């Protein structure tokens, strides 16, 4: 049985989705008559589409049904863009393969819709490497609540202290620590060192990680928080 586990976020960790998410907002805006500025996108990137709609365009958020319809359309546009050009994160496939070969248990812990997560794993060609997949529909509470990672660890049959989370968002780092996980912060597009300063370890590429290094990180545990 595996003694160590790794839980991957999806956006900004397995797929370089920054540009595709922005383009999908612009595409939805052209259809529905609104705009999203680069500043709006940067400030809301990493949050759910439903939250963004409520905050940025309250005049469109007239009901839960209206929000749901806009959300589903935006994510459909996003998936269409990925189908045309899939930007896998550099080193993602290689790290997944190395961890699986080394006997790590692997999970996904993402607040994204199931269809987005499934498409990412399919386009990576690595779905079979993951023993657990947790998406936005599996949780009652989004990040920074640790529920998504706690469910992932439970499905792997491992305690949080035996797992490491790879995240690119401040809320994800906070969620990992709240659940008792070691957390690696990945500096993906749109993220800064300052935003991820609470991560236990910081990397600029997944190629900086290896099964041996991750095992040492898990065994060392989270660093003391201020």
Protein backbone atom coordinates (compact mmCIF):
# COMPACT_ATOMS: atom_id res chain seq x y z
CA UNK A 1 0.00 0.00 0.00
CA UNK A 2 1.26 3.54 -0.73
CA UNK A 3 2.67 5.39 2.25
CA UNK A 4 2.82 8.82 0.60
CA UNK A 5 0.30 10.75 -1.46
CA UNK A 6 0.29 13.85 -3.65
CA UNK A 7 -2.84 15.92 -4.27
CA UNK A 8 -2.72 18.17 -7.33
CA UNK A 9 -4.78 21.27 -7.92
CA UNK A 10 -5.71 21.53 -11.61
CA UNK A 11 -5.78 25.11 -12.93
CA UNK A 12 -2.25 26.50 -12.88
CA UNK A 13 -0.80 23.17 -11.74
CA UNK A 14 -1.71 20.52 -14.32
CA UNK A 15 -2.89 22.90 -17.05
CA UNK A 16 -1.59 26.40 -17.83
CA UNK A 17 -5.14 27.71 -17.97
CA UNK A 18 -4.61 31.42 -17.27
CA UNK A 19 -5.00 32.66 -20.87
CA UNK A 20 -7.81 30.24 -21.73
CA UNK A 21 -9.86 31.33 -18.72
CA UNK A 22 -9.44 35.00 -19.63
CA UNK A 23 -10.34 34.31 -23.26
CA UNK A 24 -13.43 32.40 -22.15
CA UNK A 25 -14.63 35.40 -20.12
CA UNK A 26 -14.05 37.65 -23.13
CA UNK A 27 -15.93 35.22 -25.37
CA UNK A 28 -18.87 35.06 -22.97
CA UNK A 29 -18.84 38.84 -22.73
CA UNK A 30 -19.08 39.20 -26.50
CA UNK A 31 -22.12 36.93 -26.45
CA UNK A 32 -23.83 38.60 -23.50
CA UNK A 33 -22.81 42.23 -23.84
CA UNK A 34 -20.31 42.79 -21.02
CA UNK A 35 -16.55 43.20 -20.74
CA UNK A 36 -13.90 41.95 -18.34
CA UNK A 37 -10.80 44.05 -17.89
CA UNK A 38 -7.36 42.50 -17.32
CA UNK A 39 -7.45 44.02 -13.83
CA UNK A 40 -10.76 42.31 -13.04
CA UNK A 41 -9.42 39.01 -14.26
CA UNK A 42 -6.22 39.19 -12.22
CA UNK A 43 -8.13 40.08 -9.05
CA UNK A 44 -10.64 37.23 -9.45
CA UNK A 45 -8.49 34.49 -11.02
CA UNK A 46 -8.75 31.27 -9.03
CA UNK A 47 -12.26 31.90 -7.72
CA UNK A 48 -15.32 30.09 -9.00
CA UNK A 49 -17.10 31.54 -12.02
CA UNK A 50 -20.27 31.89 -9.94
CA UNK A 51 -18.48 34.12 -7.43
CA UNK A 52 -16.99 36.22 -10.23
CA UNK A 53 -20.37 36.74 -11.90
CA UNK A 54 -21.97 37.87 -8.64
CA UNK A 55 -19.16 40.31 -7.90
CA UNK A 56 -18.42 41.78 -11.32
CA UNK A 57 -21.83 41.79 -13.00
CA UNK A 58 -24.54 41.88 -10.32
CA UNK A 59 -27.00 43.12 -12.94
CA UNK A 60 -26.67 39.71 -14.67
CA UNK A 61 -26.86 37.73 -11.41
CA UNK A 62 -30.64 38.07 -11.21
CA UNK A 63 -31.23 34.54 -9.91
CA UNK A 64 -29.42 31.32 -9.10
CA UNK A 65 -30.63 29.96 -12.42
CA UNK A 66 -29.23 32.95 -14.33
CA UNK A 67 -25.88 32.56 -12.59
CA UNK A 68 -25.82 28.83 -13.26
CA UNK A 69 -26.55 29.34 -16.96
CA UNK A 70 -23.78 31.95 -17.35
CA UNK A 71 -21.38 29.79 -15.38
CA UNK A 72 -22.04 26.71 -17.52
CA UNK A 73 -21.68 28.67 -20.75
CA UNK A 74 -18.41 30.26 -19.64
CA UNK A 75 -16.93 26.89 -18.72
CA UNK A 76 -18.13 25.38 -22.02
CA UNK A 77 -16.28 28.14 -23.91
CA UNK A 78 -13.21 27.40 -21.79
CA UNK A 79 -13.32 23.69 -22.61
CA UNK A 80 -13.68 24.45 -26.31
CA UNK A 81 -10.51 26.54 -26.15
CA UNK A 82 -8.63 23.74 -24.39
CA UNK A 83 -9.83 21.23 -26.95
CA UNK A 84 -8.27 23.37 -29.69
CA UNK A 85 -5.00 24.04 -27.85
CA UNK A 86 -4.17 22.21 -24.63
CA UNK A 87 -1.40 23.95 -22.64
CA UNK A 88 -0.18 21.26 -20.24
CA UNK A 89 1.96 22.64 -17.43
CA UNK A 90 5.62 22.05 -18.16
CA UNK A 91 6.73 18.87 -16.44
CA UNK A 92 3.25 17.76 -15.35
CA UNK A 93 3.17 14.50 -17.29
CA UNK A 94 6.72 13.63 -16.27
CA UNK A 95 6.08 14.28 -12.56
CA UNK A 96 2.85 12.28 -12.56
CA UNK A 97 4.62 9.35 -14.25
CA UNK A 98 7.58 9.49 -11.87
CA UNK A 99 5.37 9.61 -8.77
CA UNK A 100 3.20 6.73 -9.99
CA UNK A 101 6.28 4.68 -10.80
CA UNK A 102 7.66 5.39 -7.30
CA UNK A 103 4.47 4.09 -5.70
CA UNK A 104 2.85 7.36 -4.60
CA UNK A 105 -0.93 7.55 -4.36
CA UNK A 106 -2.21 10.42 -6.53
CA UNK A 107 -5.32 12.57 -6.29
CA UNK A 108 -6.79 15.71 -7.79
CA UNK A 109 -8.33 18.31 -5.49
CA UNK A 110 -9.96 21.11 -7.45
CA UNK A 111 -12.92 23.46 -7.12
CA UNK A 112 -13.34 23.35 -10.91
CA UNK A 113 -16.38 21.70 -12.55
CA UNK A 114 -16.07 17.94 -13.13
CA UNK A 115 -16.09 18.35 -16.91
CA UNK A 116 -13.08 20.71 -16.76
CA UNK A 117 -11.12 18.33 -14.54
CA UNK A 118 -11.99 15.28 -16.64
CA UNK A 119 -10.98 17.05 -19.84
CA UNK A 120 -7.65 18.07 -18.34
CA UNK A 121 -6.84 14.53 -17.20
CA UNK A 122 -7.92 13.12 -20.58
CA UNK A 123 -5.86 15.62 -22.56
CA UNK A 124 -2.87 14.96 -20.32
CA UNK A 125 -3.41 11.27 -21.02
CA UNK A 126 -2.92 10.48 -17.34
CA UNK A 127 -6.39 9.81 -15.93
CA UNK A 128 -5.52 6.23 -14.97
CA UNK A 129 -2.65 7.41 -12.78
CA UNK A 130 -5.02 9.02 -10.26
CA UNK A 131 -6.72 6.97 -7.58
CA UNK A 132 -8.99 9.83 -6.47
CA UNK A 133 -10.53 12.86 -8.22
CA UNK A 134 -12.33 15.50 -6.14
CA UNK A 135 -14.07 18.40 -7.92
CA UNK A 136 -16.27 21.34 -7.07
CA UNK A 137 -19.40 19.20 -6.97
CA UNK A 138 -17.96 16.96 -4.26
CA UNK A 139 -17.62 19.68 -1.64
CA UNK A 140 -19.91 21.95 0.32
CA UNK A 141 -17.18 24.47 1.07
CA UNK A 142 -14.62 25.89 -1.34
CA UNK A 143 -11.02 26.78 -0.64
CA UNK A 144 -9.66 28.08 1.76
CA UNK A 145 -11.77 25.47 3.52
CA UNK A 146 -9.68 22.25 3.46
CA UNK A 147 -12.60 19.96 2.61
CA UNK A 148 -11.48 19.24 -0.98
CA UNK A 149 -8.06 18.04 0.17
CA UNK A 150 -9.38 16.14 3.17
CA UNK A 151 -11.76 14.20 0.91
CA UNK A 152 -8.88 13.51 -1.48
CA UNK A 153 -6.67 12.13 1.31
CA UNK A 154 -9.53 10.04 2.68
CA UNK A 155 -10.18 8.52 -0.75
CA UNK A 156 -6.48 7.66 -0.99
CA UNK A 157 -6.68 6.02 2.44
CA UNK A 158 -3.93 8.26 3.82
CA UNK A 159 -3.82 10.81 6.66
CA UNK A 160 -3.05 14.44 5.70
CA UNK A 161 0.35 14.15 7.38
CA UNK A 162 1.35 11.59 4.72
CA UNK A 163 0.26 13.77 1.79
CA UNK A 164 1.59 16.81 -0.04
CA UNK A 165 -0.57 19.34 -1.90
CA UNK A 166 0.63 21.22 -4.99
CA UNK A 167 -1.18 24.55 -5.38
CA UNK A 168 -0.80 27.81 -7.25
CA UNK A 169 -3.39 29.93 -5.42
CA UNK A 170 -3.23 31.61 -2.00
CA UNK A 171 -6.61 30.17 -1.02
CA UNK A 172 -5.36 26.70 -1.91
CA UNK A 173 -2.24 27.11 0.20
CA UNK A 174 -4.40 28.24 3.11
CA UNK A 175 -6.70 25.25 2.60
CA UNK A 176 -3.78 22.82 2.56
CA UNK A 177 -2.41 24.17 5.84
CA UNK A 178 -5.87 24.19 7.44
CA UNK A 179 -6.09 20.47 6.68
CA UNK A 180 -2.65 19.64 8.02
CA UNK A 181 -0.93 19.06 4.67
CA UNK A 182 2.53 20.05 3.50
CA UNK A 183 2.06 22.46 0.60
CA UNK A 184 4.20 23.29 -2.43
CA UNK A 185 3.37 26.62 -4.04
CA UNK A 186 3.86 26.64 -7.83
CA UNK A 187 4.52 30.04 -9.38
CA UNK A 188 2.26 29.70 -12.38
CA UNK A 189 1.26 32.57 -14.68
CA UNK A 190 -0.45 35.40 -12.80
CA UNK A 191 0.97 34.39 -9.40
CA UNK A 192 3.72 36.09 -7.39
CA UNK A 193 6.09 34.97 -4.65
CA UNK A 194 4.34 37.34 -2.26
CA UNK A 195 0.99 35.67 -2.90
CA UNK A 196 2.40 32.21 -2.17
CA UNK A 197 4.72 33.16 0.68
CA UNK A 198 2.81 30.94 3.15
CA UNK A 199 3.58 27.78 1.17
CA UNK A 200 6.03 25.39 2.83
CA UNK A 201 8.05 25.18 -0.39
CA UNK A 202 8.06 27.36 -3.50
CA UNK A 203 8.94 26.20 -7.02
CA UNK A 204 8.85 27.86 -10.41
CA UNK A 205 8.41 24.63 -12.35
CA UNK A 206 7.13 21.13 -11.67
CA UNK A 207 10.47 19.97 -13.03
CA UNK A 208 12.02 21.08 -9.73
CA UNK A 209 10.10 18.28 -8.00
CA UNK A 210 10.89 14.56 -7.85
CA UNK A 211 9.53 11.63 -5.86
CA UNK A 212 12.59 11.73 -3.63
CA UNK A 213 12.29 15.44 -2.91
CA UNK A 214 8.55 15.22 -2.29
CA UNK A 215 9.04 12.31 0.12
CA UNK A 216 11.55 14.41 2.08
CA UNK A 217 9.11 17.33 2.15
CA UNK A 218 6.32 15.13 3.53
CA UNK A 219 8.57 13.59 6.15
CA UNK A 220 9.80 17.02 7.27
CA UNK A 221 6.23 18.22 7.73
CA UNK A 222 4.77 21.74 7.38
CA UNK A 223 7.02 24.60 8.41
CA UNK A 224 5.89 26.60 11.46
CA UNK A 225 3.42 29.33 10.50
CA UNK A 226 3.71 32.87 11.84
